[in-house]
Amino acid sequence: MGDDDFDGQEEPYSEPRGQLDTPREDKQASKLSSEQRRRLEKKLEQRRLERQIADYECD
């Protein structure tokens, strides 16, 4: 009886597993050149700073 309950839970869980394929694309980031990485890090840092400024201006 407990096995039947578990099987019922296992099936819906297979759908989110399919969605987990998208984060695996992040592993391709290791293939990026160091220059591309630096550019991405600069963009991320700039966005962080812009958010901090926006948060500061809202206060």
PDB file of N, CA and C in Angstrom:
ATOM      1  N   MET A   1       0.828  -1.190   0.000  1.00  0.00           N
ATOM      2  CA  MET A   1       0.000   0.000   0.000  1.00  0.00           C
ATOM      3  C   MET A   1       0.878   1.261   0.000  1.00  0.00           C
ATOM      4  N   GLY A   2       1.935   1.247   0.796  1.00  0.00           N
ATOM      5  CA  GLY A   2       2.840   2.383   0.813  1.00  0.00           C
ATOM      6  C   GLY A   2       3.547   2.559  -0.522  1.00  0.00           C
ATOM      7  N   ASP A   3       3.843   1.448  -1.194  1.00  0.00           N
ATOM      8  CA  ASP A   3       4.497   1.537  -2.492  1.00  0.00           C
ATOM      9  C   ASP A   3       3.592   2.208  -3.511  1.00  0.00           C
ATOM     10  N   ASP A   4       2.308   1.901  -3.469  1.00  0.00           N
ATOM     11  CA  ASP A   4       1.365   2.518  -4.403  1.00  0.00           C
ATOM     12  C   ASP A   4       1.312   4.028  -4.194  1.00  0.00           C
ATOM     13  N   ASP A   5       1.332   4.466  -2.949  1.00  0.00           N
ATOM     14  CA  ASP A   5       1.316   5.896  -2.661  1.00  0.00           C
ATOM     15  C   ASP A   5       2.579   6.553  -3.216  1.00  0.00           C
ATOM     16  N   PHE A   6       3.702   5.889  -3.053  1.00  0.00           N
ATOM     17  CA  PHE A   6       4.967   6.445  -3.535  1.00  0.00           C
ATOM     18  C   PHE A   6       4.975   6.538  -5.058  1.00  0.00           C
ATOM     19  N   ASP A   7       4.453   5.499  -5.717  1.00  0.00           N
ATOM     20  CA  ASP A   7       4.403   5.517  -7.178  1.00  0.00           C
ATOM     21  C   ASP A   7       3.544   6.676  -7.662  1.00  0.00           C
ATOM     22  N   GLY A   8       2.497   6.984  -6.947  1.00  0.00           N
ATOM     23  CA  GLY A   8       1.642   8.098  -7.326  1.00  0.00           C
ATOM     24  C   GLY A   8       2.372   9.425  -7.227  1.00  0.00           C
ATOM     25  N   GLN A   9       3.271   9.554  -6.279  1.00  0.00           N
ATOM     26  CA  GLN A   9       4.037  10.789  -6.121  1.00  0.00           C
ATOM     27  C   GLN A   9       5.178  10.866  -7.124  1.00  0.00           C
ATOM     28  N   GLU A  10       5.656   9.731  -7.534  1.00  0.00           N
ATOM     29  CA  GLU A  10       6.816   9.709  -8.430  1.00  0.00           C
ATOM     30  C   GLU A  10       6.458  10.252  -9.811  1.00  0.00           C
ATOM     31  N   GLU A  11       5.269   9.964 -10.276  1.00  0.00           N
ATOM     32  CA  GLU A  11       4.885  10.344 -11.631  1.00  0.00           C
ATOM     33  C   GLU A  11       4.823  11.858 -11.833  1.00  0.00           C
ATOM     34  N   PRO A  12       4.119  12.623 -10.992  1.00  0.00           N
ATOM     35  CA  PRO A  12       4.096  14.072 -11.198  1.00  0.00           C
ATOM     36  C   PRO A  12       5.485  14.687 -11.068  1.00  0.00           C
ATOM     37  N   TYR A  13       6.356  14.043 -10.320  1.00  0.00           N
ATOM     38  CA  TYR A  13       7.692  14.605 -10.123  1.00  0.00           C
ATOM     39  C   TYR A  13       8.539  14.508 -11.386  1.00  0.00           C
ATOM     40  N   SER A  14       8.136  13.688 -12.346  1.00  0.00           N
ATOM     41  CA  SER A  14       8.914  13.550 -13.570  1.00  0.00           C
ATOM     42  C   SER A  14       8.817  14.805 -14.435  1.00  0.00           C
ATOM     43  N   GLU A  15       7.776  15.590 -14.288  1.00  0.00           N
ATOM     44  CA  GLU A  15       7.651  16.811 -15.086  1.00  0.00           C
ATOM     45  C   GLU A  15       8.682  17.864 -14.692  1.00  0.00           C
ATOM     46  N   PRO A  16       8.813  18.191 -13.402  1.00  0.00           N
ATOM     47  CA  PRO A  16       9.859  19.151 -13.048  1.00  0.00           C
ATOM     48  C   PRO A  16      11.254  18.681 -13.433  1.00  0.00           C
ATOM     49  N   ARG A  17      11.478  17.370 -13.439  1.00  0.00           N
ATOM     50  CA  ARG A  17      12.799  16.880 -13.840  1.00  0.00           C
ATOM     51  C   ARG A  17      13.113  17.303 -15.266  1.00  0.00           C
ATOM     52  N   GLY A  18      12.125  17.337 -16.127  1.00  0.00           N
ATOM     53  CA  GLY A  18      12.339  17.794 -17.497  1.00  0.00           C
ATOM     54  C   GLY A  18      12.738  19.256 -17.536  1.00  0.00           C
ATOM     55  N   GLN A  19      12.224  20.031 -16.609  1.00  0.00           N
ATOM     56  CA  GLN A  19      12.561  21.447 -16.565  1.00  0.00           C
ATOM     57  C   GLN A  19      13.972  21.668 -16.036  1.00  0.00           C
ATOM     58  N   LEU A  20      14.513  20.700 -15.349  1.00  0.00           N
ATOM     59  CA  LEU A  20      15.858  20.845 -14.817  1.00  0.00           C
ATOM     60  C   LEU A  20      16.921  20.785 -15.914  1.00  0.00           C
ATOM     61  N   ASP A  21      16.522  20.442 -17.128  1.00  0.00           N
ATOM     62  CA  ASP A  21      17.482  20.422 -18.228  1.00  0.00           C
ATOM     63  C   ASP A  21      17.982  21.827 -18.538  1.00  0.00           C
ATOM     64  N   THR A  22      17.178  22.848 -18.296  1.00  0.00           N
ATOM     65  CA  THR A  22      17.604  24.203 -18.629  1.00  0.00           C
ATOM     66  C   THR A  22      18.779  24.678 -17.777  1.00  0.00           C
ATOM     67  N   PRO A  23      18.807  24.448 -16.465  1.00  0.00           N
ATOM     68  CA  PRO A  23      19.999  24.872 -15.726  1.00  0.00           C
ATOM     69  C   PRO A  23      21.268  24.162 -16.173  1.00  0.00           C
ATOM     70  N   ARG A  24      21.124  22.992 -16.749  1.00  0.00           N
ATOM     71  CA  ARG A  24      22.314  22.279 -17.224  1.00  0.00           C
ATOM     72  C   ARG A  24      23.013  23.055 -18.332  1.00  0.00           C
ATOM     73  N   GLU A  25      22.288  23.933 -19.005  1.00  0.00           N
ATOM     74  CA  GLU A  25      22.924  24.768 -20.021  1.00  0.00           C
ATOM     75  C   GLU A  25      23.965  25.679 -19.382  1.00  0.00           C
ATOM     76  N   ASP A  26      23.808  25.981 -18.093  1.00  0.00           N
ATOM     77  CA  ASP A  26      24.785  26.802 -17.401  1.00  0.00           C
ATOM     78  C   ASP A  26      26.150  26.125 -17.377  1.00  0.00           C
ATOM     79  N   LYS A  27      26.166  24.807 -17.474  1.00  0.00           N
ATOM     80  CA  LYS A  27      27.443  24.103 -17.494  1.00  0.00           C
ATOM     81  C   LYS A  27      28.242  24.479 -18.741  1.00  0.00           C
ATOM     82  N   GLN A  28      27.566  24.966 -19.762  1.00  0.00           N
ATOM     83  CA  GLN A  28      28.275  25.416 -20.954  1.00  0.00           C
ATOM     84  C   GLN A  28      29.087  26.669 -20.649  1.00  0.00           C
ATOM     85  N   ALA A  29      28.795  27.334 -19.558  1.00  0.00           N
ATOM     86  CA  ALA A  29      29.547  28.521 -19.178  1.00  0.00           C
ATOM     87  C   ALA A  29      31.019  28.179 -18.979  1.00  0.00           C
ATOM     88  N   SER A  30      31.312  26.951 -18.597  1.00  0.00           N
ATOM     89  CA  SER A  30      32.700  26.550 -18.423  1.00  0.00           C
ATOM     90  C   SER A  30      33.440  26.551 -19.756  1.00  0.00           C
ATOM     91  N   LYS A  31      32.696  26.497 -20.853  1.00  0.00           N
ATOM     92  CA  LYS A  31      33.312  26.519 -22.173  1.00  0.00           C
ATOM     93  C   LYS A  31      33.599  27.949 -22.638  1.00  0.00           C
ATOM     94  N   LEU A  32      33.050  28.927 -21.928  1.00  0.00           N
ATOM     95  CA  LEU A  32      33.269  30.313 -22.320  1.00  0.00           C
ATOM     96  C   LEU A  32      34.737  30.685 -22.139  1.00  0.00           C
ATOM     97  N   SER A  33      35.191  31.566 -22.978  1.00  0.00           N
ATOM     98  CA  SER A  33      36.560  32.042 -22.823  1.00  0.00           C
ATOM     99  C   SER A  33      36.627  32.958 -21.600  1.00  0.00           C
ATOM    100  N   SER A  34      37.818  33.173 -21.103  1.00  0.00           N
ATOM    101  CA  SER A  34      37.968  34.023 -19.922  1.00  0.00           C
ATOM    102  C   SER A  34      37.518  35.450 -20.228  1.00  0.00           C
ATOM    103  N   GLU A  35      37.695  35.885 -21.472  1.00  0.00           N
ATOM    104  CA  GLU A  35      37.262  37.234 -21.850  1.00  0.00           C
ATOM    105  C   GLU A  35      35.742  37.343 -21.787  1.00  0.00           C
ATOM    106  N   GLN A  36      35.055  36.324 -22.309  1.00  0.00           N
ATOM    107  CA  GLN A  36      33.594  36.330 -22.258  1.00  0.00           C
ATOM    108  C   GLN A  36      33.120  36.315 -20.811  1.00  0.00           C
ATOM    109  N   ARG A  37      33.809  35.547 -19.980  1.00  0.00           N
ATOM    110  CA  ARG A  37      33.446  35.486 -18.564  1.00  0.00           C
ATOM    111  C   ARG A  37      33.587  36.848 -17.914  1.00  0.00           C
ATOM    112  N   ARG A  38      34.687  37.538 -18.222  1.00  0.00           N
ATOM    113  CA  ARG A  38      34.907  38.860 -17.640  1.00  0.00           C
ATOM    114  C   ARG A  38      33.799  39.814 -18.058  1.00  0.00           C
ATOM    115  N   ARG A  39      33.407  39.749 -19.342  1.00  0.00           N
ATOM    116  CA  ARG A  39      32.328  40.625 -19.818  1.00  0.00           C
ATOM    117  C   ARG A  39      31.027  40.332 -19.085  1.00  0.00           C
ATOM    118  N   LEU A  40      30.717  39.050 -18.928  1.00  0.00           N
ATOM    119  CA  LEU A  40      29.487  38.680 -18.224  1.00  0.00           C
ATOM    120  C   LEU A  40      29.528  39.141 -16.767  1.00  0.00           C
ATOM    121  N   GLU A  41      30.675  38.977 -16.131  1.00  0.00           N
ATOM    122  CA  GLU A  41      30.802  39.398 -14.735  1.00  0.00           C
ATOM    123  C   GLU A  41      30.649  40.904 -14.609  1.00  0.00           C
ATOM    124  N   LYS A  42      31.179  41.658 -15.580  1.00  0.00           N
ATOM    125  CA  LYS A  42      31.024  43.113 -15.555  1.00  0.00           C
ATOM    126  C   LYS A  42      29.552  43.487 -15.689  1.00  0.00           C
ATOM    127  N   LYS A  43      28.851  42.809 -16.598  1.00  0.00           N
ATOM    128  CA  LYS A  43      27.420  43.087 -16.775  1.00  0.00           C
ATOM    129  C   LYS A  43      26.652  42.787 -15.501  1.00  0.00           C
ATOM    130  N   LEU A  44      26.955  41.645 -14.882  1.00  0.00           N
ATOM    131  CA  LEU A  44      26.272  41.285 -13.643  1.00  0.00           C
ATOM    132  C   LEU A  44      26.560  42.302 -12.543  1.00  0.00           C
ATOM    133  N   GLU A  45      27.801  42.715 -12.426  1.00  0.00           N
ATOM    134  CA  GLU A  45      28.172  43.694 -11.402  1.00  0.00           C
ATOM    135  C   GLU A  45      27.469  45.021 -11.666  1.00  0.00           C
ATOM    136  N   GLN A  46      27.396  45.423 -12.933  1.00  0.00           N
ATOM    137  CA  GLN A  46      26.719  46.672 -13.277  1.00  0.00           C
ATOM    138  C   GLN A  46      25.240  46.593 -12.911  1.00  0.00           C
ATOM    139  N   ARG A  47      24.613  45.466 -13.204  1.00  0.00           N
ATOM    140  CA  ARG A  47      23.196  45.299 -12.856  1.00  0.00           C
ATOM    141  C   ARG A  47      23.000  45.342 -11.351  1.00  0.00           C
ATOM    142  N   ARG A  48      23.919  44.729 -10.609  1.00  0.00           N
ATOM    143  CA  ARG A  48      23.826  44.760  -9.147  1.00  0.00           C
ATOM    144  C   ARG A  48      23.911  46.193  -8.641  1.00  0.00           C
ATOM    145  N   LEU A  49      24.863  46.944  -9.182  1.00  0.00           N
ATOM    146  CA  LEU A  49      25.019  48.333  -8.761  1.00  0.00           C
ATOM    147  C   LEU A  49      23.789  49.152  -9.126  1.00  0.00           C
ATOM    148  N   GLU A  50      23.243  48.932 -10.328  1.00  0.00           N
ATOM    149  CA  GLU A  50      22.047  49.664 -10.739  1.00  0.00           C
ATOM    150  C   GLU A  50      20.880  49.361  -9.808  1.00  0.00           C
ATOM    151  N   ARG A  51      20.759  48.108  -9.391  1.00  0.00           N
ATOM    152  CA  ARG A  51      19.686  47.747  -8.452  1.00  0.00           C
ATOM    153  C   ARG A  51      19.896  48.431  -7.108  1.00  0.00           C
ATOM    154  N   GLN A  52      21.143  48.451  -6.650  1.00  0.00           N
ATOM    155  CA  GLN A  52      21.427  49.103  -5.369  1.00  0.00           C
ATOM    156  C   GLN A  52      21.095  50.587  -5.442  1.00  0.00           C
ATOM    157  N   ILE A  53      21.457  51.226  -6.551  1.00  0.00           N
ATOM    158  CA  ILE A  53      21.159  52.648  -6.730  1.00  0.00           C
ATOM    159  C   ILE A  53      19.653  52.867  -6.763  1.00  0.00           C
ATOM    160  N   ALA A  54      18.945  52.018  -7.507  1.00  0.00           N
ATOM    161  CA  ALA A  54      17.488  52.143  -7.595  1.00  0.00           C
ATOM    162  C   ALA A  54      16.858  51.946  -6.221  1.00  0.00           C
ATOM    163  N   ASP A  55      17.333  50.969  -5.469  1.00  0.00           N
ATOM    164  CA  ASP A  55      16.806  50.744  -4.121  1.00  0.00           C
ATOM    165  C   ASP A  55      17.091  51.945  -3.227  1.00  0.00           C
ATOM    166  N   TYR A  56      18.272  52.512  -3.363  1.00  0.00           N
ATOM    167  CA  TYR A  56      18.650  53.667  -2.549  1.00  0.00           C
ATOM    168  C   TYR A  56      17.781  54.868  -2.896  1.00  0.00           C
ATOM    169  N   GLU A  57      17.533  55.083  -4.195  1.00  0.00           N
ATOM    170  CA  GLU A  57      16.716  56.216  -4.629  1.00  0.00           C
ATOM    171  C   GLU A  57      15.271  56.055  -4.187  1.00  0.00           C
ATOM    172  N   CYS A  58      14.786  54.823  -4.128  1.00  0.00           N
ATOM    173  CA  CYS A  58      13.405  54.582  -3.688  1.00  0.00           C
ATOM    174  C   CYS A  58      13.243  54.884  -2.211  1.00  0.00           C
ATOM    175  N   ASP A  59      14.295  54.658  -1.432  1.00  0.00           N
ATOM    176  CA  ASP A  59      14.215  54.935   0.008  1.00  0.00           C
ATOM    177  C   ASP A  59      14.289  56.423   0.187  1.00  0.00           C
TER     178      ASP A  59
END
